[in-house]
């Protein structure tokens, strides 16, 4: 797949993203640079995903206003180890959601294989880069059409209709992200 660029509308960012497929898995790599409120940031992530679009491990290195941090996650069976510590609150979680990228929405979209008007509720390891928070959250995806999904937080305090391409990658996420075909 050719590299793509996402523009972060709210987060004033650009993301250079690559997805490489091998016989065994997919590897997503990305670099994000941006500024939001009083934070200037850089994020570099690497995610290994199996052929069912489930995360096997991830590394996120980031810098906010000159302070560097790193988050590493490894899935062992149904359990997660994050930064070298077993995290039982994430047992049986199949997905991650990184706050500054739309890519992690692709994971449940491609894994759930929903039919039109079908919904799926999921547990997610939410990684809020700018707030340096990792926590469990619930989300729901509903397929509206082949290229459109309704994303909802649970409790339902946020929802968005997101558009995807034929690979399940986000084309447009209202007020948050848009895939760019050229830089303008």
N, C-alpha and C. Protein backbone atom coordinates (compact mmCIF):
# COMPACT_ATOMS: atom_id res chain seq x y z
N UNK A 1 0.84 -1.18 0.00
CA UNK A 1 0.00 0.00 0.00
C UNK A 1 0.88 1.24 0.00
N UNK A 2 0.48 2.25 -0.73
CA UNK A 2 1.21 3.51 -0.72
C UNK A 2 0.97 4.24 0.60
N UNK A 3 1.96 5.02 1.05
CA UNK A 3 1.75 5.82 2.26
C UNK A 3 0.59 6.80 2.08
N UNK A 4 -0.05 7.14 3.19
CA UNK A 4 -1.12 8.14 3.15
C UNK A 4 -0.85 9.22 4.19
N UNK A 5 -1.55 10.32 4.04
CA UNK A 5 -1.46 11.42 4.99
C UNK A 5 -2.85 11.72 5.51
N UNK A 6 -2.96 11.81 6.84
CA UNK A 6 -4.19 12.30 7.46
C UNK A 6 -3.91 13.67 8.05
N UNK A 7 -4.87 14.53 7.89
CA UNK A 7 -4.82 15.85 8.51
C UNK A 7 -5.69 15.80 9.76
N UNK A 8 -5.10 16.19 10.90
CA UNK A 8 -5.86 16.29 12.13
C UNK A 8 -6.50 17.66 12.20
N UNK A 9 -7.81 17.71 12.07
CA UNK A 9 -8.53 18.99 12.02
C UNK A 9 -8.52 19.65 13.40
N UNK A 10 -8.99 18.96 14.41
CA UNK A 10 -9.02 19.50 15.77
C UNK A 10 -7.62 19.64 16.35
N UNK A 11 -6.80 18.62 16.11
CA UNK A 11 -5.48 18.55 16.76
C UNK A 11 -4.37 19.25 15.97
N UNK A 12 -4.72 19.94 14.88
CA UNK A 12 -3.74 20.69 14.07
C UNK A 12 -2.51 19.84 13.82
N UNK A 13 -2.72 18.72 13.11
CA UNK A 13 -1.63 17.76 12.91
C UNK A 13 -1.60 17.24 11.49
N UNK A 14 -0.47 16.63 11.16
CA UNK A 14 -0.33 15.85 9.94
C UNK A 14 0.23 14.50 10.35
N UNK A 15 -0.30 13.44 9.74
CA UNK A 15 0.18 12.08 10.01
C UNK A 15 0.61 11.42 8.71
N UNK A 16 1.84 10.92 8.69
CA UNK A 16 2.38 10.16 7.57
C UNK A 16 2.29 8.70 7.97
N UNK A 17 1.48 7.92 7.25
CA UNK A 17 1.11 6.57 7.66
C UNK A 17 1.46 5.53 6.59
N UNK A 18 1.98 4.39 7.04
CA UNK A 18 2.28 3.25 6.17
C UNK A 18 1.64 1.99 6.75
N UNK A 19 1.10 1.17 5.88
CA UNK A 19 0.58 -0.14 6.27
C UNK A 19 1.22 -1.16 5.35
N UNK A 20 1.97 -2.09 5.94
CA UNK A 20 2.68 -3.10 5.17
C UNK A 20 2.09 -4.46 5.51
N UNK A 21 1.75 -5.23 4.47
CA UNK A 21 1.18 -6.56 4.66
C UNK A 21 2.23 -7.62 4.35
N UNK A 22 2.32 -8.63 5.21
CA UNK A 22 3.17 -9.79 4.95
C UNK A 22 2.27 -11.03 4.98
N UNK A 23 2.87 -12.21 4.86
CA UNK A 23 2.09 -13.44 4.91
C UNK A 23 1.40 -13.62 6.26
N UNK A 24 2.06 -13.18 7.34
CA UNK A 24 1.57 -13.44 8.69
C UNK A 24 0.77 -12.30 9.31
N UNK A 25 1.07 -11.04 8.92
CA UNK A 25 0.45 -9.93 9.63
C UNK A 25 0.48 -8.64 8.82
N UNK A 26 0.01 -7.59 9.48
CA UNK A 26 0.13 -6.23 8.98
C UNK A 26 1.01 -5.47 9.97
N UNK A 27 1.76 -4.52 9.48
CA UNK A 27 2.52 -3.63 10.35
C UNK A 27 2.17 -2.20 9.97
N UNK A 28 1.67 -1.46 10.93
CA UNK A 28 1.33 -0.05 10.74
C UNK A 28 2.41 0.79 11.39
N UNK A 29 2.94 1.74 10.63
CA UNK A 29 3.92 2.68 11.18
C UNK A 29 3.47 4.08 10.82
N UNK A 30 3.76 5.01 11.72
CA UNK A 30 3.28 6.36 11.49
C UNK A 30 4.11 7.38 12.25
N UNK A 31 4.09 8.59 11.70
CA UNK A 31 4.68 9.75 12.37
C UNK A 31 3.65 10.87 12.33
N UNK A 32 3.41 11.46 13.47
CA UNK A 32 2.44 12.55 13.59
C UNK A 32 3.16 13.75 14.19
N UNK A 33 2.88 14.93 13.65
CA UNK A 33 3.41 16.16 14.24
C UNK A 33 2.26 17.16 14.30
N UNK A 34 2.21 17.91 15.39
CA UNK A 34 1.12 18.88 15.51
C UNK A 34 1.22 19.74 16.74
N UNK A 35 0.20 20.57 16.89
CA UNK A 35 0.08 21.40 18.09
C UNK A 35 -1.39 21.53 18.44
N UNK A 36 -1.67 21.43 19.72
CA UNK A 36 -3.04 21.54 20.21
C UNK A 36 -3.01 22.28 21.53
N UNK A 37 -3.80 23.35 21.59
CA UNK A 37 -3.82 24.23 22.75
C UNK A 37 -2.39 24.65 23.06
N UNK A 38 -1.85 24.34 24.20
CA UNK A 38 -0.49 24.78 24.54
C UNK A 38 0.53 23.66 24.39
N UNK A 39 0.19 22.63 23.60
CA UNK A 39 1.07 21.46 23.47
C UNK A 39 1.55 21.30 22.03
N UNK A 40 2.87 21.29 21.85
CA UNK A 40 3.48 20.94 20.58
C UNK A 40 3.94 19.50 20.72
N UNK A 41 3.57 18.65 19.75
CA UNK A 41 3.83 17.22 19.94
C UNK A 41 4.33 16.54 18.68
N UNK A 42 5.00 15.41 18.92
CA UNK A 42 5.47 14.49 17.89
C UNK A 42 5.16 13.08 18.38
N UNK A 43 4.59 12.25 17.51
CA UNK A 43 4.25 10.87 17.87
C UNK A 43 4.78 9.94 16.78
N UNK A 44 5.36 8.84 17.22
CA UNK A 44 5.86 7.81 16.31
C UNK A 44 5.28 6.50 16.84
N UNK A 45 4.45 5.80 16.03
CA UNK A 45 3.92 4.52 16.51
C UNK A 45 4.19 3.40 15.52
N UNK A 46 4.23 2.19 16.10
CA UNK A 46 4.46 0.96 15.35
C UNK A 46 3.51 -0.08 15.94
N UNK A 47 2.63 -0.64 15.11
CA UNK A 47 1.63 -1.60 15.58
C UNK A 47 1.70 -2.85 14.72
N UNK A 48 1.84 -4.02 15.36
CA UNK A 48 1.78 -5.29 14.65
C UNK A 48 0.38 -5.85 14.84
N UNK A 49 -0.25 -6.21 13.72
CA UNK A 49 -1.65 -6.62 13.70
C UNK A 49 -1.74 -7.97 12.99
N UNK A 50 -2.52 -8.90 13.53
CA UNK A 50 -2.66 -10.18 12.84
C UNK A 50 -3.61 -10.04 11.65
N UNK A 51 -3.81 -11.11 10.91
CA UNK A 51 -4.64 -11.06 9.70
C UNK A 51 -6.13 -10.85 10.00
N UNK A 52 -6.53 -10.98 11.28
CA UNK A 52 -7.91 -10.68 11.68
C UNK A 52 -8.05 -9.25 12.18
N UNK A 53 -7.00 -8.44 12.01
CA UNK A 53 -6.97 -7.03 12.40
C UNK A 53 -6.97 -6.84 13.92
N UNK A 54 -6.38 -7.78 14.62
CA UNK A 54 -6.25 -7.67 16.08
C UNK A 54 -4.80 -7.34 16.42
N UNK A 55 -4.62 -6.38 17.31
CA UNK A 55 -3.29 -5.92 17.70
C UNK A 55 -2.58 -7.00 18.50
N UNK A 56 -1.33 -7.26 18.14
CA UNK A 56 -0.49 -8.20 18.87
C UNK A 56 0.51 -7.48 19.75
N UNK A 57 1.00 -6.34 19.27
CA UNK A 57 1.89 -5.49 20.08
C UNK A 57 1.94 -4.10 19.47
N UNK A 58 2.34 -3.16 20.30
CA UNK A 58 2.46 -1.79 19.82
C UNK A 58 3.53 -1.05 20.62
N UNK A 59 4.12 -0.07 19.95
CA UNK A 59 5.07 0.85 20.59
C UNK A 59 4.69 2.25 20.15
N UNK A 60 4.51 3.13 21.12
CA UNK A 60 4.20 4.53 20.84
C UNK A 60 5.26 5.37 21.54
N UNK A 61 6.03 6.10 20.77
CA UNK A 61 7.01 7.04 21.33
C UNK A 61 6.51 8.43 21.01
N UNK A 62 6.51 9.30 22.02
CA UNK A 62 6.00 10.65 21.77
C UNK A 62 6.74 11.68 22.61
N UNK A 63 6.65 12.90 22.11
CA UNK A 63 7.27 14.02 22.79
C UNK A 63 6.26 15.16 22.82
N UNK A 64 6.02 15.69 24.00
CA UNK A 64 5.11 16.83 24.16
C UNK A 64 5.88 17.94 24.85
N UNK A 65 5.99 19.06 24.16
CA UNK A 65 6.73 20.22 24.68
C UNK A 65 8.10 19.82 25.22
N UNK A 66 8.78 18.94 24.48
CA UNK A 66 10.15 18.57 24.84
C UNK A 66 10.27 17.40 25.80
N UNK A 67 9.15 16.92 26.37
CA UNK A 67 9.18 15.79 27.30
C UNK A 67 8.86 14.50 26.54
N UNK A 68 9.80 13.55 26.57
CA UNK A 68 9.64 12.30 25.85
C UNK A 68 8.99 11.23 26.72
N UNK A 69 8.16 10.39 26.08
CA UNK A 69 7.50 9.26 26.75
C UNK A 69 7.38 8.10 25.79
N UNK A 70 7.11 6.93 26.36
CA UNK A 70 6.98 5.73 25.54
C UNK A 70 5.95 4.80 26.18
N UNK A 71 5.13 4.20 25.34
CA UNK A 71 4.15 3.20 25.78
C UNK A 71 4.35 1.97 24.91
N UNK A 72 4.58 0.83 25.55
CA UNK A 72 4.73 -0.44 24.84
C UNK A 72 3.70 -1.42 25.36
N UNK A 73 3.01 -2.08 24.44
CA UNK A 73 2.02 -3.07 24.81
C UNK A 73 2.26 -4.38 24.08
N UNK A 74 2.15 -5.48 24.81
CA UNK A 74 2.31 -6.81 24.24
C UNK A 74 1.13 -7.66 24.70
N UNK A 75 0.50 -8.33 23.75
CA UNK A 75 -0.63 -9.20 24.06
C UNK A 75 -0.10 -10.63 24.23
N UNK A 76 -0.41 -11.24 25.36
CA UNK A 76 -0.07 -12.64 25.64
C UNK A 76 -1.37 -13.39 25.88
N UNK A 77 -1.82 -14.15 24.88
CA UNK A 77 -3.12 -14.82 25.00
C UNK A 77 -4.22 -13.78 25.07
N UNK A 78 -4.96 -13.76 26.18
CA UNK A 78 -6.02 -12.76 26.36
C UNK A 78 -5.59 -11.61 27.27
N UNK A 79 -4.32 -11.62 27.68
CA UNK A 79 -3.84 -10.62 28.64
C UNK A 79 -2.91 -9.61 27.97
N UNK A 80 -2.83 -8.44 28.57
CA UNK A 80 -1.97 -7.37 28.08
C UNK A 80 -0.92 -7.00 29.12
N UNK A 81 0.27 -6.79 28.63
CA UNK A 81 1.35 -6.25 29.43
C UNK A 81 1.68 -4.88 28.82
N UNK A 82 1.60 -3.84 29.63
CA UNK A 82 1.88 -2.49 29.14
C UNK A 82 3.02 -1.91 29.96
N UNK A 83 4.04 -1.50 29.23
CA UNK A 83 5.28 -0.98 29.85
C UNK A 83 5.82 -1.94 30.90
N UNK A 84 5.79 -3.24 30.56
CA UNK A 84 6.38 -4.26 31.43
C UNK A 84 5.53 -4.69 32.60
N UNK A 85 4.29 -4.18 32.68
CA UNK A 85 3.41 -4.51 33.81
C UNK A 85 2.15 -5.19 33.29
N UNK A 86 1.78 -6.33 33.90
CA UNK A 86 0.53 -6.99 33.54
C UNK A 86 -0.63 -6.08 33.92
N UNK A 87 -1.59 -5.94 33.01
CA UNK A 87 -2.73 -5.06 33.24
C UNK A 87 -4.03 -5.86 33.16
N UNK A 88 -4.47 -6.45 34.30
CA UNK A 88 -5.66 -7.30 34.29
C UNK A 88 -6.95 -6.58 33.88
N UNK A 89 -6.98 -5.25 34.03
CA UNK A 89 -8.19 -4.52 33.63
C UNK A 89 -8.40 -4.54 32.12
N UNK A 90 -7.38 -4.96 31.37
CA UNK A 90 -7.49 -5.06 29.91
C UNK A 90 -7.60 -6.51 29.44
N UNK A 91 -7.85 -7.45 30.34
CA UNK A 91 -7.97 -8.85 29.97
C UNK A 91 -9.12 -9.02 28.97
N UNK A 92 -8.86 -9.78 27.91
CA UNK A 92 -9.81 -10.04 26.83
C UNK A 92 -10.12 -8.83 25.95
N UNK A 93 -9.39 -7.73 26.10
CA UNK A 93 -9.56 -6.57 25.21
C UNK A 93 -8.88 -6.90 23.88
N UNK A 94 -9.54 -6.59 22.79
CA UNK A 94 -9.03 -6.93 21.46
C UNK A 94 -8.53 -5.73 20.68
N UNK A 95 -8.80 -4.52 21.17
CA UNK A 95 -8.51 -3.32 20.38
C UNK A 95 -7.80 -2.25 21.21
N UNK A 96 -7.07 -1.38 20.48
CA UNK A 96 -6.52 -0.17 21.09
C UNK A 96 -7.07 1.02 20.32
N UNK A 97 -7.08 2.17 20.97
CA UNK A 97 -7.50 3.42 20.33
C UNK A 97 -6.49 4.49 20.75
N UNK A 98 -5.71 4.97 19.78
CA UNK A 98 -4.73 6.02 20.04
C UNK A 98 -5.39 7.34 19.68
N UNK A 99 -5.40 8.29 20.61
CA UNK A 99 -6.18 9.52 20.47
C UNK A 99 -5.86 10.37 19.27
N UNK A 100 -4.65 10.42 18.80
CA UNK A 100 -4.25 11.38 17.76
C UNK A 100 -4.24 10.81 16.35
N UNK A 101 -4.80 9.61 16.15
CA UNK A 101 -4.83 9.01 14.82
C UNK A 101 -6.19 8.37 14.55
N UNK A 102 -6.66 8.44 13.30
CA UNK A 102 -7.88 7.71 12.96
C UNK A 102 -7.62 6.25 12.62
N UNK A 103 -6.35 5.86 12.48
CA UNK A 103 -6.06 4.48 12.06
C UNK A 103 -6.65 3.45 12.99
N UNK A 104 -6.60 3.66 14.29
CA UNK A 104 -7.05 2.61 15.21
C UNK A 104 -8.55 2.35 15.11
N UNK A 105 -9.32 3.24 14.45
CA UNK A 105 -10.73 2.94 14.15
C UNK A 105 -10.85 1.84 13.10
N UNK A 106 -9.83 1.71 12.25
CA UNK A 106 -9.83 0.68 11.21
C UNK A 106 -9.83 -0.72 11.82
N UNK A 107 -9.20 -0.89 12.98
CA UNK A 107 -9.06 -2.22 13.58
C UNK A 107 -10.43 -2.88 13.83
N UNK A 108 -11.33 -2.25 14.60
CA UNK A 108 -12.63 -2.90 14.80
C UNK A 108 -13.49 -2.93 13.53
N UNK A 109 -13.37 -1.89 12.69
CA UNK A 109 -14.15 -1.88 11.45
C UNK A 109 -13.81 -3.12 10.61
N UNK A 110 -12.53 -3.41 10.46
CA UNK A 110 -12.13 -4.57 9.65
C UNK A 110 -12.31 -5.90 10.38
N UNK A 111 -12.19 -5.90 11.70
CA UNK A 111 -12.31 -7.16 12.45
C UNK A 111 -13.76 -7.60 12.64
N UNK A 112 -14.64 -6.65 12.95
CA UNK A 112 -16.02 -7.01 13.26
C UNK A 112 -16.80 -7.52 12.05
N UNK A 113 -16.43 -7.06 10.86
CA UNK A 113 -17.10 -7.49 9.63
C UNK A 113 -18.62 -7.39 9.75
N UNK A 114 -19.07 -6.21 10.13
CA UNK A 114 -20.49 -5.96 10.33
C UNK A 114 -21.25 -5.92 9.00
N UNK A 115 -22.51 -6.31 9.04
CA UNK A 115 -23.41 -6.14 7.91
C UNK A 115 -24.10 -4.79 8.05
N UNK A 116 -24.72 -4.34 6.98
CA UNK A 116 -25.41 -3.06 7.03
C UNK A 116 -26.45 -3.04 8.15
N UNK A 117 -26.45 -1.97 8.94
CA UNK A 117 -27.33 -1.75 10.10
C UNK A 117 -27.01 -2.65 11.29
N UNK A 118 -25.94 -3.40 11.24
CA UNK A 118 -25.52 -4.24 12.36
C UNK A 118 -24.54 -3.44 13.23
N UNK A 119 -24.61 -3.66 14.55
CA UNK A 119 -23.74 -2.96 15.51
C UNK A 119 -22.87 -3.95 16.26
N UNK A 120 -21.74 -3.45 16.74
CA UNK A 120 -20.87 -4.24 17.59
C UNK A 120 -20.32 -3.36 18.70
N UNK A 121 -20.49 -3.83 19.94
CA UNK A 121 -19.95 -3.11 21.11
C UNK A 121 -18.62 -3.76 21.49
N UNK A 122 -17.62 -2.93 21.77
CA UNK A 122 -16.28 -3.46 22.04
C UNK A 122 -15.65 -2.78 23.25
N UNK A 123 -14.70 -3.49 23.86
CA UNK A 123 -13.84 -2.93 24.91
C UNK A 123 -12.52 -2.54 24.28
N UNK A 124 -12.01 -1.38 24.66
CA UNK A 124 -10.84 -0.80 24.01
C UNK A 124 -9.85 -0.28 25.04
N UNK A 125 -8.55 -0.49 24.76
CA UNK A 125 -7.50 0.17 25.54
C UNK A 125 -7.33 1.55 24.91
N UNK A 126 -7.79 2.58 25.62
CA UNK A 126 -7.73 3.95 25.10
C UNK A 126 -6.44 4.61 25.58
N UNK A 127 -5.68 5.12 24.61
CA UNK A 127 -4.39 5.75 24.91
C UNK A 127 -4.49 7.22 24.51
N UNK A 128 -4.68 8.08 25.50
CA UNK A 128 -4.78 9.52 25.26
C UNK A 128 -3.38 10.11 25.39
N UNK A 129 -2.75 10.36 24.26
CA UNK A 129 -1.36 10.83 24.23
C UNK A 129 -1.21 12.17 24.94
N UNK A 130 -2.05 13.14 24.60
CA UNK A 130 -1.87 14.50 25.13
C UNK A 130 -2.10 14.60 26.63
N UNK A 131 -2.92 13.69 27.17
CA UNK A 131 -3.18 13.69 28.62
C UNK A 131 -2.37 12.62 29.35
N UNK A 132 -1.62 11.81 28.61
CA UNK A 132 -0.81 10.74 29.18
C UNK A 132 -1.66 9.79 30.04
N UNK A 133 -2.78 9.34 29.44
CA UNK A 133 -3.73 8.48 30.15
C UNK A 133 -3.95 7.20 29.33
N UNK A 134 -3.95 6.06 30.00
CA UNK A 134 -4.31 4.77 29.40
C UNK A 134 -5.44 4.20 30.25
N UNK A 135 -6.60 3.95 29.61
CA UNK A 135 -7.74 3.47 30.40
C UNK A 135 -8.66 2.61 29.54
N UNK A 136 -9.47 1.76 30.19
CA UNK A 136 -10.45 0.97 29.45
C UNK A 136 -11.67 1.82 29.10
N UNK A 137 -12.16 1.66 27.87
CA UNK A 137 -13.39 2.33 27.45
C UNK A 137 -14.23 1.36 26.63
N UNK A 138 -15.52 1.69 26.50
CA UNK A 138 -16.42 0.93 25.64
C UNK A 138 -16.77 1.80 24.44
N UNK A 139 -16.85 1.15 23.29
CA UNK A 139 -17.22 1.84 22.06
C UNK A 139 -18.20 0.95 21.29
N UNK A 140 -18.92 1.59 20.37
CA UNK A 140 -19.83 0.84 19.51
C UNK A 140 -19.67 1.33 18.07
N UNK A 141 -19.66 0.38 17.15
CA UNK A 141 -19.61 0.68 15.73
C UNK A 141 -20.87 0.10 15.09
N UNK A 142 -21.50 0.88 14.21
CA UNK A 142 -22.66 0.42 13.45
C UNK A 142 -22.37 0.69 11.98
N UNK A 143 -22.49 -0.32 11.14
CA UNK A 143 -22.28 -0.10 9.71
C UNK A 143 -23.56 0.50 9.12
N UNK A 144 -23.41 1.69 8.55
CA UNK A 144 -24.54 2.38 7.92
C UNK A 144 -24.61 1.99 6.44
N UNK A 145 -23.46 1.94 5.80
CA UNK A 145 -23.34 1.50 4.41
C UNK A 145 -21.94 0.91 4.25
N UNK A 146 -21.62 0.46 3.05
CA UNK A 146 -20.30 -0.15 2.83
C UNK A 146 -19.16 0.79 3.20
N UNK A 147 -19.36 2.08 3.04
CA UNK A 147 -18.29 3.05 3.29
C UNK A 147 -18.56 4.00 4.45
N UNK A 148 -19.58 3.72 5.26
CA UNK A 148 -19.89 4.64 6.36
C UNK A 148 -20.27 3.86 7.63
N UNK A 149 -19.72 4.33 8.74
CA UNK A 149 -19.98 3.73 10.05
C UNK A 149 -20.36 4.80 11.04
N UNK A 150 -21.21 4.44 11.99
CA UNK A 150 -21.51 5.30 13.12
C UNK A 150 -20.64 4.82 14.28
N UNK A 151 -19.80 5.73 14.77
CA UNK A 151 -18.94 5.44 15.92
C UNK A 151 -19.58 6.11 17.14
N UNK A 152 -19.65 5.38 18.27
CA UNK A 152 -20.22 5.94 19.49
C UNK A 152 -19.38 5.54 20.70
N UNK A 153 -19.16 6.50 21.59
CA UNK A 153 -18.60 6.19 22.91
C UNK A 153 -19.74 5.66 23.76
N UNK A 154 -19.42 4.82 24.72
CA UNK A 154 -20.41 4.33 25.67
C UNK A 154 -19.90 4.65 27.07
N UNK A 155 -20.61 5.44 27.89
CA UNK A 155 -21.94 5.99 27.63
C UNK A 155 -21.92 6.93 26.43
N UNK A 156 -23.07 7.10 25.84
CA UNK A 156 -23.16 7.81 24.55
C UNK A 156 -23.04 9.32 24.74
N UNK A 157 -21.78 9.75 24.98
CA UNK A 157 -21.51 11.18 25.12
C UNK A 157 -20.81 11.74 23.88
N UNK A 158 -20.56 10.88 22.87
CA UNK A 158 -19.94 11.31 21.63
C UNK A 158 -20.29 10.32 20.54
N UNK A 159 -20.59 10.84 19.34
CA UNK A 159 -20.80 9.98 18.19
C UNK A 159 -20.37 10.71 16.93
N UNK A 160 -20.02 9.94 15.92
CA UNK A 160 -19.61 10.52 14.63
C UNK A 160 -19.87 9.51 13.53
N UNK A 161 -20.28 10.00 12.37
CA UNK A 161 -20.41 9.17 11.18
C UNK A 161 -19.09 9.28 10.44
N UNK A 162 -18.38 8.16 10.36
CA UNK A 162 -17.06 8.16 9.74
C UNK A 162 -17.12 7.44 8.39
N UNK A 163 -16.40 8.00 7.42
CA UNK A 163 -16.33 7.42 6.07
C UNK A 163 -15.02 6.66 5.93
N UNK A 164 -15.07 5.51 5.26
CA UNK A 164 -13.88 4.68 5.07
C UNK A 164 -13.70 4.36 3.59
N UNK A 165 -12.45 4.01 3.23
CA UNK A 165 -12.17 3.57 1.87
C UNK A 165 -12.38 2.05 1.79
N UNK A 166 -12.02 1.45 0.65
CA UNK A 166 -12.26 0.01 0.46
C UNK A 166 -11.37 -0.87 1.33
N UNK A 167 -10.33 -0.30 1.98
CA UNK A 167 -9.49 -1.04 2.92
C UNK A 167 -9.92 -0.83 4.37
N UNK A 168 -10.98 -0.05 4.59
CA UNK A 168 -11.42 0.24 5.94
C UNK A 168 -10.67 1.38 6.60
N UNK A 169 -9.80 2.07 5.84
CA UNK A 169 -9.06 3.21 6.37
C UNK A 169 -9.93 4.46 6.33
N UNK A 170 -9.80 5.29 7.33
CA UNK A 170 -10.66 6.47 7.47
C UNK A 170 -10.39 7.47 6.35
N UNK A 171 -11.46 7.86 5.67
CA UNK A 171 -11.41 8.93 4.67
C UNK A 171 -11.76 10.26 5.36
N UNK A 172 -12.83 10.21 6.16
CA UNK A 172 -13.27 11.45 6.82
C UNK A 172 -13.91 11.10 8.16
N UNK A 173 -13.45 11.79 9.19
CA UNK A 173 -13.97 11.65 10.54
C UNK A 173 -14.33 13.07 10.95
N UNK A 174 -15.62 13.43 10.91
CA UNK A 174 -16.05 14.83 11.05
C UNK A 174 -15.38 15.57 12.21
N UNK A 175 -14.85 16.72 11.90
CA UNK A 175 -14.21 17.64 12.85
C UNK A 175 -12.92 17.12 13.46
N UNK A 176 -12.51 15.90 13.13
CA UNK A 176 -11.29 15.34 13.71
C UNK A 176 -10.21 15.03 12.68
N UNK A 177 -10.53 14.23 11.65
CA UNK A 177 -9.50 13.79 10.70
C UNK A 177 -10.04 13.71 9.28
N UNK A 178 -9.14 13.95 8.31
CA UNK A 178 -9.48 13.70 6.93
C UNK A 178 -8.25 13.22 6.19
N UNK A 179 -8.47 12.23 5.32
CA UNK A 179 -7.40 11.70 4.50
C UNK A 179 -7.11 12.71 3.39
N UNK A 180 -5.83 12.99 3.19
CA UNK A 180 -5.43 13.99 2.20
C UNK A 180 -4.84 13.29 0.98
N UNK A 181 -5.23 13.76 -0.18
CA UNK A 181 -4.67 13.24 -1.42
C UNK A 181 -3.57 14.15 -1.91
N UNK A 182 -3.52 15.36 -1.36
CA UNK A 182 -2.42 16.29 -1.57
C UNK A 182 -2.41 17.27 -0.38
N UNK A 183 -1.34 17.95 -0.20
CA UNK A 183 -1.24 18.88 0.92
C UNK A 183 -1.74 20.25 0.46
N UNK A 184 -2.70 20.80 1.18
CA UNK A 184 -3.18 22.15 0.87
C UNK A 184 -3.27 22.98 2.10
